[in-house]
Amino acid sequence: MKKVLVCALVLAAALFASSPALAWDPAKQKNLGQDHVKMQWYLLDYGKKDGVLFAVARKYYTNTSVKQQTVDLLMSKYSLSPEVAGSLYFTEYGYEYTPDGKQFAVTYLKHFDMLGNEIYGTVFDGSAEATKKVFAAVDPKSTPGKGLAYARGKAPAPEKKAPAKKVSGKKAPAKKVKVKK
């Protein structure tokens, strides 16, 4: 009985440790905040591999309308069932950058459920016309741009906050208070 229990615990620990959701070095993970459509982004890994700068980012579906658009796309374009597509929880993006850092390409795009199981993914390896890498300009304020900064060993510059509104020189009139005698 003890052997079965020990084997079950070892197997559970191995499965837990190999989960895609936990496969990244926690020391490298960065919270990138929300984008313009209120989706939550995290940078999971970045650096240089085989002489190429790279970054891996994850987007959590914190905006239900954007999630529904993605679910609809997964069902219509890839024929996923509503149950499978509807279990979408986050999407992971792999980026690679040109040596000068002016352009990036998506190397893979994978959709996962809440347990870290892959629902659907595409690897852009050039093996077919539809999977060719397409390079685009890097915007430093975008997720790929922030990933590039970390891959180069520099944290991106913090976004400047809007200046505080100036209060006019006029004072608000004092409130009249009745004093009891």
N, C-alpha and C. Protein backbone atom coordinates (compact mmCIF):
# COMPACT_ATOMS: atom_id res chain seq x y z
N MET A 1 0.82 -1.19 0.00
CA MET A 1 0.00 0.00 0.00
C MET A 1 0.86 1.26 0.00
N LYS A 2 1.95 1.24 0.82
CA LYS A 2 2.82 2.40 0.88
C LYS A 2 3.51 2.65 -0.46
N LYS A 3 3.89 1.57 -1.14
CA LYS A 3 4.56 1.71 -2.44
C LYS A 3 3.63 2.38 -3.45
N VAL A 4 2.37 2.00 -3.44
CA VAL A 4 1.40 2.59 -4.37
C VAL A 4 1.23 4.07 -4.07
N LEU A 5 1.14 4.41 -2.79
CA LEU A 5 0.98 5.80 -2.38
C LEU A 5 2.21 6.63 -2.77
N VAL A 6 3.40 6.09 -2.53
CA VAL A 6 4.64 6.78 -2.89
C VAL A 6 4.72 6.97 -4.40
N CYS A 7 4.40 5.92 -5.16
CA CYS A 7 4.42 6.02 -6.62
C CYS A 7 3.43 7.08 -7.11
N ALA A 8 2.26 7.11 -6.51
CA ALA A 8 1.25 8.10 -6.90
C ALA A 8 1.73 9.51 -6.60
N LEU A 9 2.35 9.71 -5.45
CA LEU A 9 2.87 11.03 -5.09
C LEU A 9 4.01 11.45 -6.02
N VAL A 10 4.90 10.54 -6.34
CA VAL A 10 6.00 10.85 -7.26
C VAL A 10 5.46 11.20 -8.64
N LEU A 11 4.50 10.42 -9.11
CA LEU A 11 3.89 10.69 -10.41
C LEU A 11 3.18 12.04 -10.42
N ALA A 12 2.45 12.35 -9.37
CA ALA A 12 1.75 13.64 -9.28
C ALA A 12 2.74 14.79 -9.25
N ALA A 13 3.83 14.63 -8.51
CA ALA A 13 4.86 15.68 -8.45
C ALA A 13 5.51 15.88 -9.81
N ALA A 14 5.77 14.80 -10.53
CA ALA A 14 6.37 14.90 -11.86
C ALA A 14 5.43 15.61 -12.83
N LEU A 15 4.16 15.26 -12.79
CA LEU A 15 3.18 15.93 -13.65
C LEU A 15 3.06 17.40 -13.31
N PHE A 16 3.04 17.71 -12.02
CA PHE A 16 2.92 19.09 -11.57
C PHE A 16 4.14 19.90 -12.03
N ALA A 17 5.32 19.33 -11.89
CA ALA A 17 6.55 20.04 -12.26
C ALA A 17 6.68 20.21 -13.76
N SER A 18 6.09 19.31 -14.53
CA SER A 18 6.22 19.41 -15.98
C SER A 18 5.10 20.21 -16.62
N SER A 19 4.20 20.74 -15.82
CA SER A 19 3.09 21.53 -16.35
C SER A 19 3.63 22.75 -17.08
N PRO A 20 3.11 23.06 -18.28
CA PRO A 20 3.59 24.22 -19.02
C PRO A 20 3.42 25.51 -18.25
N ALA A 21 2.41 25.58 -17.42
CA ALA A 21 2.16 26.80 -16.67
C ALA A 21 3.25 27.07 -15.64
N LEU A 22 4.01 26.05 -15.27
CA LEU A 22 5.03 26.20 -14.24
C LEU A 22 6.44 25.99 -14.78
N ALA A 23 6.62 25.94 -16.06
CA ALA A 23 7.90 25.58 -16.66
C ALA A 23 8.89 26.74 -16.74
N TRP A 24 8.51 27.92 -16.31
CA TRP A 24 9.37 29.09 -16.48
C TRP A 24 10.05 29.46 -15.17
N ASP A 25 11.24 30.05 -15.28
CA ASP A 25 12.01 30.50 -14.12
C ASP A 25 11.28 31.69 -13.47
N PRO A 26 10.82 31.53 -12.24
CA PRO A 26 10.08 32.62 -11.59
C PRO A 26 10.89 33.91 -11.46
N ALA A 27 12.22 33.80 -11.36
CA ALA A 27 13.05 34.99 -11.22
C ALA A 27 13.03 35.86 -12.47
N LYS A 28 12.74 35.28 -13.62
CA LYS A 28 12.71 36.04 -14.87
C LYS A 28 11.34 36.61 -15.19
N GLN A 29 10.31 36.11 -14.56
CA GLN A 29 8.95 36.53 -14.91
C GLN A 29 8.71 37.99 -14.53
N LYS A 30 8.08 38.72 -15.44
CA LYS A 30 7.79 40.14 -15.23
C LYS A 30 6.32 40.39 -15.53
N ASN A 31 5.66 41.14 -14.68
CA ASN A 31 4.28 41.54 -14.91
C ASN A 31 4.32 42.79 -15.79
N LEU A 32 3.81 42.69 -17.00
CA LEU A 32 3.82 43.82 -17.93
C LEU A 32 2.56 44.67 -17.83
N GLY A 33 1.64 44.28 -16.98
CA GLY A 33 0.42 45.07 -16.81
C GLY A 33 -0.60 44.78 -17.90
N GLN A 34 -1.58 45.66 -18.00
CA GLN A 34 -2.65 45.49 -18.97
C GLN A 34 -2.39 46.31 -20.22
N ASP A 35 -2.85 45.78 -21.34
CA ASP A 35 -2.73 46.51 -22.60
C ASP A 35 -3.95 47.41 -22.79
N HIS A 36 -4.08 47.99 -23.98
CA HIS A 36 -5.16 48.94 -24.27
C HIS A 36 -6.55 48.32 -24.25
N VAL A 37 -6.66 47.00 -24.35
CA VAL A 37 -7.97 46.34 -24.29
C VAL A 37 -8.13 45.57 -22.98
N LYS A 38 -7.33 45.94 -21.98
CA LYS A 38 -7.43 45.40 -20.62
C LYS A 38 -7.11 43.91 -20.51
N MET A 39 -6.17 43.45 -21.33
CA MET A 39 -5.69 42.07 -21.23
C MET A 39 -4.41 42.10 -20.38
N GLN A 40 -4.26 41.13 -19.49
CA GLN A 40 -3.12 41.08 -18.58
C GLN A 40 -1.96 40.32 -19.23
N TRP A 41 -0.76 40.92 -19.26
CA TRP A 41 0.41 40.34 -19.91
C TRP A 41 1.53 40.07 -18.91
N TYR A 42 2.22 38.96 -19.13
CA TYR A 42 3.41 38.61 -18.35
C TYR A 42 4.52 38.21 -19.30
N LEU A 43 5.73 38.59 -18.96
CA LEU A 43 6.91 38.13 -19.69
C LEU A 43 7.44 36.94 -18.91
N LEU A 44 7.59 35.80 -19.57
CA LEU A 44 7.98 34.56 -18.90
C LEU A 44 9.45 34.24 -19.03
N ASP A 45 10.03 34.54 -20.19
CA ASP A 45 11.43 34.21 -20.45
C ASP A 45 11.94 35.17 -21.50
N TYR A 46 13.24 35.38 -21.50
CA TYR A 46 13.86 36.28 -22.46
C TYR A 46 15.36 36.07 -22.41
N GLY A 47 16.04 36.51 -23.45
CA GLY A 47 17.49 36.37 -23.49
C GLY A 47 17.98 36.15 -24.90
N LYS A 48 19.06 35.38 -25.00
CA LYS A 48 19.68 35.10 -26.29
C LYS A 48 19.90 33.60 -26.37
N LYS A 49 19.41 32.99 -27.44
CA LYS A 49 19.59 31.55 -27.64
C LYS A 49 20.10 31.34 -29.06
N ASP A 50 21.19 30.62 -29.19
CA ASP A 50 21.82 30.38 -30.49
C ASP A 50 22.08 31.69 -31.23
N GLY A 51 22.47 32.71 -30.48
CA GLY A 51 22.81 34.00 -31.08
C GLY A 51 21.62 34.86 -31.46
N VAL A 52 20.41 34.44 -31.12
CA VAL A 52 19.20 35.18 -31.49
C VAL A 52 18.48 35.66 -30.23
N LEU A 53 18.16 36.95 -30.18
CA LEU A 53 17.39 37.48 -29.06
C LEU A 53 15.97 36.94 -29.13
N PHE A 54 15.40 36.59 -27.97
CA PHE A 54 14.05 36.04 -27.94
C PHE A 54 13.33 36.50 -26.68
N ALA A 55 12.02 36.35 -26.69
CA ALA A 55 11.19 36.58 -25.50
C ALA A 55 9.96 35.69 -25.60
N VAL A 56 9.40 35.34 -24.45
CA VAL A 56 8.17 34.57 -24.38
C VAL A 56 7.21 35.35 -23.49
N ALA A 57 6.02 35.62 -24.00
CA ALA A 57 5.02 36.39 -23.26
C ALA A 57 3.72 35.59 -23.16
N ARG A 58 2.97 35.88 -22.12
CA ARG A 58 1.69 35.22 -21.91
C ARG A 58 0.62 36.28 -21.70
N LYS A 59 -0.52 36.07 -22.37
CA LYS A 59 -1.66 36.98 -22.26
C LYS A 59 -2.81 36.23 -21.59
N TYR A 60 -3.31 36.80 -20.49
CA TYR A 60 -4.47 36.23 -19.81
C TYR A 60 -5.72 36.98 -20.25
N TYR A 61 -6.78 36.24 -20.46
CA TYR A 61 -8.03 36.81 -20.98
C TYR A 61 -8.85 37.43 -19.86
N THR A 62 -8.49 38.65 -19.49
CA THR A 62 -9.19 39.39 -18.45
C THR A 62 -10.30 40.26 -19.03
N ASN A 63 -10.41 40.30 -20.34
CA ASN A 63 -11.49 41.03 -21.01
C ASN A 63 -12.36 39.98 -21.70
N THR A 64 -13.58 39.81 -21.22
CA THR A 64 -14.43 38.72 -21.71
C THR A 64 -14.82 38.88 -23.18
N SER A 65 -14.94 40.11 -23.67
CA SER A 65 -15.31 40.27 -25.08
C SER A 65 -14.16 39.86 -26.00
N VAL A 66 -12.94 40.16 -25.62
CA VAL A 66 -11.78 39.74 -26.41
C VAL A 66 -11.62 38.22 -26.34
N LYS A 67 -11.86 37.66 -25.16
CA LYS A 67 -11.80 36.20 -25.03
C LYS A 67 -12.83 35.56 -25.95
N GLN A 68 -14.05 36.09 -25.99
CA GLN A 68 -15.09 35.51 -26.83
C GLN A 68 -14.72 35.59 -28.30
N GLN A 69 -14.09 36.69 -28.72
CA GLN A 69 -13.63 36.80 -30.11
C GLN A 69 -12.61 35.71 -30.43
N THR A 70 -11.71 35.44 -29.50
CA THR A 70 -10.69 34.41 -29.71
C THR A 70 -11.33 33.03 -29.72
N VAL A 71 -12.28 32.79 -28.82
CA VAL A 71 -12.99 31.51 -28.79
C VAL A 71 -13.72 31.30 -30.12
N ASP A 72 -14.41 32.33 -30.60
CA ASP A 72 -15.12 32.23 -31.88
C ASP A 72 -14.16 31.92 -33.02
N LEU A 73 -12.99 32.55 -33.01
CA LEU A 73 -11.97 32.30 -34.04
C LEU A 73 -11.48 30.85 -33.98
N LEU A 74 -11.21 30.36 -32.77
CA LEU A 74 -10.75 28.97 -32.62
C LEU A 74 -11.79 27.98 -33.14
N MET A 75 -13.07 28.28 -32.92
CA MET A 75 -14.13 27.38 -33.40
C MET A 75 -14.29 27.47 -34.91
N SER A 76 -14.28 28.68 -35.46
CA SER A 76 -14.54 28.83 -36.89
C SER A 76 -13.33 28.45 -37.76
N LYS A 77 -12.15 28.89 -37.36
CA LYS A 77 -10.97 28.66 -38.20
C LYS A 77 -10.35 27.28 -38.00
N TYR A 78 -10.40 26.77 -36.77
CA TYR A 78 -9.71 25.51 -36.48
C TYR A 78 -10.66 24.39 -36.09
N SER A 79 -11.95 24.61 -36.21
CA SER A 79 -12.99 23.60 -35.96
C SER A 79 -12.92 22.99 -34.56
N LEU A 80 -12.58 23.80 -33.58
CA LEU A 80 -12.60 23.31 -32.20
C LEU A 80 -14.02 23.34 -31.68
N SER A 81 -14.35 22.41 -30.82
CA SER A 81 -15.70 22.37 -30.24
C SER A 81 -15.87 23.57 -29.30
N PRO A 82 -17.11 23.98 -29.06
CA PRO A 82 -17.35 25.09 -28.12
C PRO A 82 -16.80 24.80 -26.72
N GLU A 83 -16.85 23.53 -26.31
CA GLU A 83 -16.34 23.17 -24.98
C GLU A 83 -14.83 23.37 -24.90
N VAL A 84 -14.12 22.90 -25.92
CA VAL A 84 -12.66 23.02 -25.92
C VAL A 84 -12.25 24.48 -26.08
N ALA A 85 -12.79 25.15 -27.08
CA ALA A 85 -12.44 26.55 -27.31
C ALA A 85 -12.84 27.43 -26.13
N GLY A 86 -13.98 27.12 -25.53
CA GLY A 86 -14.47 27.91 -24.40
C GLY A 86 -13.65 27.76 -23.14
N SER A 87 -12.78 26.75 -23.08
CA SER A 87 -11.92 26.57 -21.91
C SER A 87 -10.67 27.45 -21.97
N LEU A 88 -10.56 28.29 -22.99
CA LEU A 88 -9.41 29.18 -23.17
C LEU A 88 -9.17 30.02 -21.92
N TYR A 89 -7.91 30.04 -21.47
CA TYR A 89 -7.56 30.82 -20.29
C TYR A 89 -6.41 31.79 -20.56
N PHE A 90 -5.40 31.33 -21.31
CA PHE A 90 -4.30 32.23 -21.68
C PHE A 90 -3.69 31.80 -23.00
N THR A 91 -2.98 32.73 -23.62
CA THR A 91 -2.27 32.48 -24.87
C THR A 91 -0.81 32.86 -24.66
N GLU A 92 0.06 32.02 -25.18
CA GLU A 92 1.50 32.24 -25.05
C GLU A 92 2.08 32.57 -26.42
N TYR A 93 2.99 33.53 -26.46
CA TYR A 93 3.61 33.98 -27.69
C TYR A 93 5.13 33.85 -27.57
N GLY A 94 5.76 33.30 -28.59
CA GLY A 94 7.21 33.29 -28.67
C GLY A 94 7.62 34.36 -29.67
N TYR A 95 8.61 35.17 -29.32
CA TYR A 95 9.10 36.22 -30.21
C TYR A 95 10.58 36.02 -30.47
N GLU A 96 11.01 36.36 -31.68
CA GLU A 96 12.44 36.46 -31.96
C GLU A 96 12.68 37.79 -32.64
N TYR A 97 13.90 38.30 -32.48
CA TYR A 97 14.21 39.64 -32.94
C TYR A 97 15.37 39.62 -33.92
N THR A 98 15.38 40.59 -34.83
CA THR A 98 16.51 40.74 -35.74
C THR A 98 17.71 41.21 -34.92
N PRO A 99 18.94 40.99 -35.42
CA PRO A 99 20.13 41.38 -34.65
C PRO A 99 20.16 42.86 -34.27
N ASP A 100 19.60 43.72 -35.12
CA ASP A 100 19.59 45.15 -34.80
C ASP A 100 18.44 45.54 -33.87
N GLY A 101 17.53 44.61 -33.59
CA GLY A 101 16.43 44.86 -32.68
C GLY A 101 15.32 45.74 -33.24
N LYS A 102 15.34 45.97 -34.53
CA LYS A 102 14.31 46.84 -35.12
C LYS A 102 13.05 46.08 -35.52
N GLN A 103 13.16 44.75 -35.66
CA GLN A 103 12.01 43.96 -36.07
C GLN A 103 11.89 42.70 -35.21
N PHE A 104 10.67 42.16 -35.17
CA PHE A 104 10.41 40.92 -34.46
C PHE A 104 9.48 40.06 -35.28
N ALA A 105 9.48 38.77 -34.96
CA ALA A 105 8.53 37.82 -35.57
C ALA A 105 7.99 36.93 -34.47
N VAL A 106 6.75 36.50 -34.63
CA VAL A 106 6.17 35.52 -33.71
C VAL A 106 6.68 34.15 -34.15
N THR A 107 7.28 33.41 -33.22
CA THR A 107 7.81 32.08 -33.54
C THR A 107 6.80 30.99 -33.21
N TYR A 108 5.95 31.25 -32.23
CA TYR A 108 4.84 30.33 -31.95
C TYR A 108 3.73 31.07 -31.22
N LEU A 109 2.56 30.49 -31.30
CA LEU A 109 1.36 31.03 -30.67
C LEU A 109 0.58 29.82 -30.17
N LYS A 110 0.40 29.73 -28.85
CA LYS A 110 -0.27 28.56 -28.28
C LYS A 110 -1.35 29.00 -27.31
N HIS A 111 -2.52 28.37 -27.42
CA HIS A 111 -3.66 28.66 -26.55
C HIS A 111 -3.78 27.54 -25.52
N PHE A 112 -4.03 27.91 -24.26
CA PHE A 112 -4.09 26.96 -23.16
C PHE A 112 -5.37 27.11 -22.36
N ASP A 113 -5.74 26.02 -21.67
CA ASP A 113 -6.85 26.09 -20.72
C ASP A 113 -6.29 26.44 -19.34
N MET A 114 -7.16 26.47 -18.34
CA MET A 114 -6.77 26.86 -17.00
C MET A 114 -5.76 25.91 -16.36
N LEU A 115 -5.73 24.67 -16.78
CA LEU A 115 -4.80 23.69 -16.21
C LEU A 115 -3.45 23.67 -16.93
N GLY A 116 -3.28 24.51 -17.94
CA GLY A 116 -2.04 24.54 -18.68
C GLY A 116 -1.98 23.54 -19.81
N ASN A 117 -3.12 22.96 -20.17
CA ASN A 117 -3.17 22.03 -21.31
C ASN A 117 -3.34 22.83 -22.59
N GLU A 118 -2.54 22.50 -23.59
CA GLU A 118 -2.63 23.22 -24.86
C GLU A 118 -3.92 22.87 -25.58
N ILE A 119 -4.65 23.90 -25.99
CA ILE A 119 -5.89 23.74 -26.75
C ILE A 119 -5.58 23.71 -28.24
N TYR A 120 -4.77 24.68 -28.66
CA TYR A 120 -4.41 24.76 -30.07
C TYR A 120 -3.15 25.62 -30.16
N GLY A 121 -2.29 25.31 -31.11
CA GLY A 121 -1.08 26.10 -31.28
C GLY A 121 -0.57 26.08 -32.70
N THR A 122 0.20 27.09 -33.02
CA THR A 122 0.85 27.18 -34.32
C THR A 122 2.31 27.53 -34.09
N VAL A 123 3.20 26.81 -34.75
CA VAL A 123 4.62 27.11 -34.71
C VAL A 123 4.98 27.69 -36.07
N PHE A 124 5.57 28.88 -36.04
CA PHE A 124 5.95 29.55 -37.28
C PHE A 124 7.41 29.20 -37.59
N ASP A 125 7.57 28.07 -38.28
CA ASP A 125 8.91 27.55 -38.58
C ASP A 125 9.23 27.56 -40.07
N GLY A 126 8.31 28.06 -40.88
CA GLY A 126 8.54 28.13 -42.31
C GLY A 126 8.32 26.83 -43.04
N SER A 127 7.77 25.83 -42.38
CA SER A 127 7.55 24.53 -43.02
C SER A 127 6.42 24.57 -44.05
N ALA A 128 5.61 25.61 -44.01
CA ALA A 128 4.52 25.79 -44.98
C ALA A 128 4.30 27.29 -45.17
N GLU A 129 3.58 27.64 -46.20
CA GLU A 129 3.32 29.05 -46.48
C GLU A 129 2.64 29.73 -45.28
N ALA A 130 1.70 29.03 -44.66
CA ALA A 130 0.95 29.60 -43.54
C ALA A 130 1.78 29.73 -42.26
N THR A 131 2.93 29.07 -42.21
CA THR A 131 3.74 29.12 -40.99
C THR A 131 5.07 29.83 -41.19
N LYS A 132 5.13 30.69 -42.20
CA LYS A 132 6.34 31.49 -42.39
C LYS A 132 6.40 32.59 -41.33
N LYS A 133 7.60 32.87 -40.87
CA LYS A 133 7.78 33.98 -39.93
C LYS A 133 7.61 35.29 -40.69
N VAL A 134 6.85 36.18 -40.10
CA VAL A 134 6.64 37.50 -40.69
C VAL A 134 7.20 38.52 -39.71
N PHE A 135 8.17 39.29 -40.17
CA PHE A 135 8.79 40.28 -39.30
C PHE A 135 8.07 41.61 -39.42
N ALA A 136 7.96 42.30 -38.29
CA ALA A 136 7.31 43.61 -38.23
C ALA A 136 8.16 44.52 -37.34
N ALA A 137 7.93 45.81 -37.45
CA ALA A 137 8.67 46.79 -36.65
C ALA A 137 8.35 46.62 -35.17
N VAL A 138 9.35 46.84 -34.34
CA VAL A 138 9.18 46.74 -32.89
C VAL A 138 8.76 48.10 -32.34
N ASP A 139 7.65 48.13 -31.64
CA ASP A 139 7.21 49.32 -30.92
C ASP A 139 7.68 49.14 -29.47
N PRO A 140 8.53 50.02 -28.95
CA PRO A 140 9.05 49.83 -27.59
C PRO A 140 7.96 49.75 -26.51
N LYS A 141 6.78 50.30 -26.77
CA LYS A 141 5.70 50.28 -25.79
C LYS A 141 4.87 49.00 -25.85
N SER A 142 5.06 48.20 -26.90
CA SER A 142 4.29 46.97 -27.07
C SER A 142 4.90 45.83 -26.25
N THR A 143 4.17 44.74 -26.15
CA THR A 143 4.70 43.57 -25.44
C THR A 143 5.98 43.05 -26.10
N PRO A 144 6.03 42.89 -27.43
CA PRO A 144 7.30 42.47 -28.04
C PRO A 144 8.43 43.48 -27.78
N GLY A 145 8.11 44.76 -27.75
CA GLY A 145 9.11 45.79 -27.48
C GLY A 145 9.66 45.69 -26.06
N LYS A 146 8.78 45.45 -25.11
CA LYS A 146 9.22 45.28 -23.72
C LYS A 146 10.04 44.00 -23.58
N GLY A 147 9.64 42.95 -24.30
CA GLY A 147 10.40 41.71 -24.29
C GLY A 147 11.80 41.91 -24.84
N LEU A 148 11.92 42.71 -25.89
CA LEU A 148 13.23 43.01 -26.48
C LEU A 148 14.13 43.71 -25.47
N ALA A 149 13.58 44.68 -24.76
CA ALA A 149 14.38 45.41 -23.77
C ALA A 149 14.95 44.44 -22.73
N TYR A 150 14.13 43.55 -22.21
CA TYR A 150 14.61 42.58 -21.23
C TYR A 150 15.60 41.60 -21.86
N ALA A 151 15.36 41.18 -23.10
CA ALA A 151 16.28 40.25 -23.78
C ALA A 151 17.65 40.88 -23.95
N ARG A 152 17.69 42.19 -24.13
CA ARG A 152 18.95 42.91 -24.26
C ARG A 152 19.60 43.19 -22.91
N GLY A 153 18.90 42.85 -21.83
CA GLY A 153 19.44 43.08 -20.50
C GLY A 153 19.08 44.42 -19.91
N LYS A 154 18.11 45.10 -20.49
CA LYS A 154 17.69 46.41 -20.00
C LYS A 154 16.19 46.38 -19.75
N ALA A 155 15.80 46.80 -18.58
CA ALA A 155 14.36 46.90 -18.31
C ALA A 155 13.83 48.07 -19.13
N PRO A 156 12.63 47.95 -19.67
CA PRO A 156 12.07 49.07 -20.44
C PRO A 156 11.86 50.28 -19.55
N ALA A 157 11.95 51.45 -20.15
CA ALA A 157 11.73 52.68 -19.39
C ALA A 157 10.30 52.71 -18.87
N PRO A 158 10.12 53.15 -17.62
CA PRO A 158 8.75 53.22 -17.11
C PRO A 158 7.94 54.24 -17.89
N GLU A 159 6.67 53.95 -18.02
CA GLU A 159 5.81 54.88 -18.75
C GLU A 159 5.62 56.13 -17.92
N LYS A 160 5.66 57.28 -18.60
CA LYS A 160 5.48 58.54 -17.90
C LYS A 160 4.01 58.73 -17.58
N LYS A 161 3.76 59.19 -16.36
CA LYS A 161 2.39 59.46 -15.97
C LYS A 161 2.01 60.85 -16.45
N ALA A 162 0.74 61.03 -16.72
CA ALA A 162 0.25 62.34 -17.15
C ALA A 162 0.49 63.34 -16.02
N PRO A 163 0.86 64.57 -16.39
CA PRO A 163 1.09 65.56 -15.34
C PRO A 163 -0.20 65.84 -14.57
N ALA A 164 -0.03 66.15 -13.30
CA ALA A 164 -1.20 66.44 -12.46
C ALA A 164 -1.86 67.72 -12.95
N LYS A 165 -3.17 67.75 -12.84
CA LYS A 165 -3.90 68.94 -13.27
C LYS A 165 -3.60 70.08 -12.30
N LYS A 166 -3.36 71.25 -12.87
CA LYS A 166 -3.09 72.41 -12.05
C LYS A 166 -4.41 72.96 -11.52
N VAL A 167 -4.37 73.32 -10.27
CA VAL A 167 -5.55 73.91 -9.65
C VAL A 167 -5.45 75.41 -9.86
N SER A 168 -6.54 76.01 -10.26
CA SER A 168 -6.51 77.45 -10.51
C SER A 168 -6.21 78.19 -9.21
N GLY A 169 -5.74 79.40 -9.32
CA GLY A 169 -5.34 80.20 -8.17
C GLY A 169 -6.51 80.63 -7.30
N LYS A 170 -7.72 80.44 -7.75
CA LYS A 170 -8.88 80.86 -6.97
C LYS A 170 -9.13 79.87 -5.84
N LYS A 171 -9.48 80.44 -4.70
CA LYS A 171 -9.82 79.60 -3.55
C LYS A 171 -11.32 79.38 -3.54
N ALA A 172 -11.71 78.23 -3.09
CA ALA A 172 -13.14 77.94 -2.96
C ALA A 172 -13.68 78.76 -1.80
N PRO A 173 -14.90 79.27 -1.94
CA PRO A 173 -15.45 80.08 -0.84
C PRO A 173 -15.63 79.21 0.41
N ALA A 174 -15.41 79.85 1.54
CA ALA A 174 -15.55 79.14 2.81
C ALA A 174 -17.01 78.83 3.06
N LYS A 175 -17.25 77.71 3.71
CA LYS A 175 -18.62 77.35 4.04
C LYS A 175 -19.06 78.19 5.22
N LYS A 176 -20.32 78.58 5.18
CA LYS A 176 -20.87 79.35 6.29
C LYS A 176 -21.30 78.37 7.36
N VAL A 177 -20.86 78.64 8.55
CA VAL A 177 -21.20 77.79 9.67
C VAL A 177 -21.96 78.63 10.69
N LYS A 178 -23.09 78.13 11.11
CA LYS A 178 -23.86 78.84 12.13
C LYS A 178 -23.31 78.45 13.50
N VAL A 179 -23.07 79.45 14.29
CA VAL A 179 -22.55 79.23 15.62
C VAL A 179 -23.67 79.48 16.62
N LYS A 180 -23.89 78.55 17.53
CA LYS A 180 -24.92 78.71 18.56
C LYS A 180 -24.36 79.56 19.69
N LYS A 181 -25.19 80.44 20.19
CA LYS A 181 -24.76 81.28 21.32
C LYS A 181 -25.36 80.83 22.59
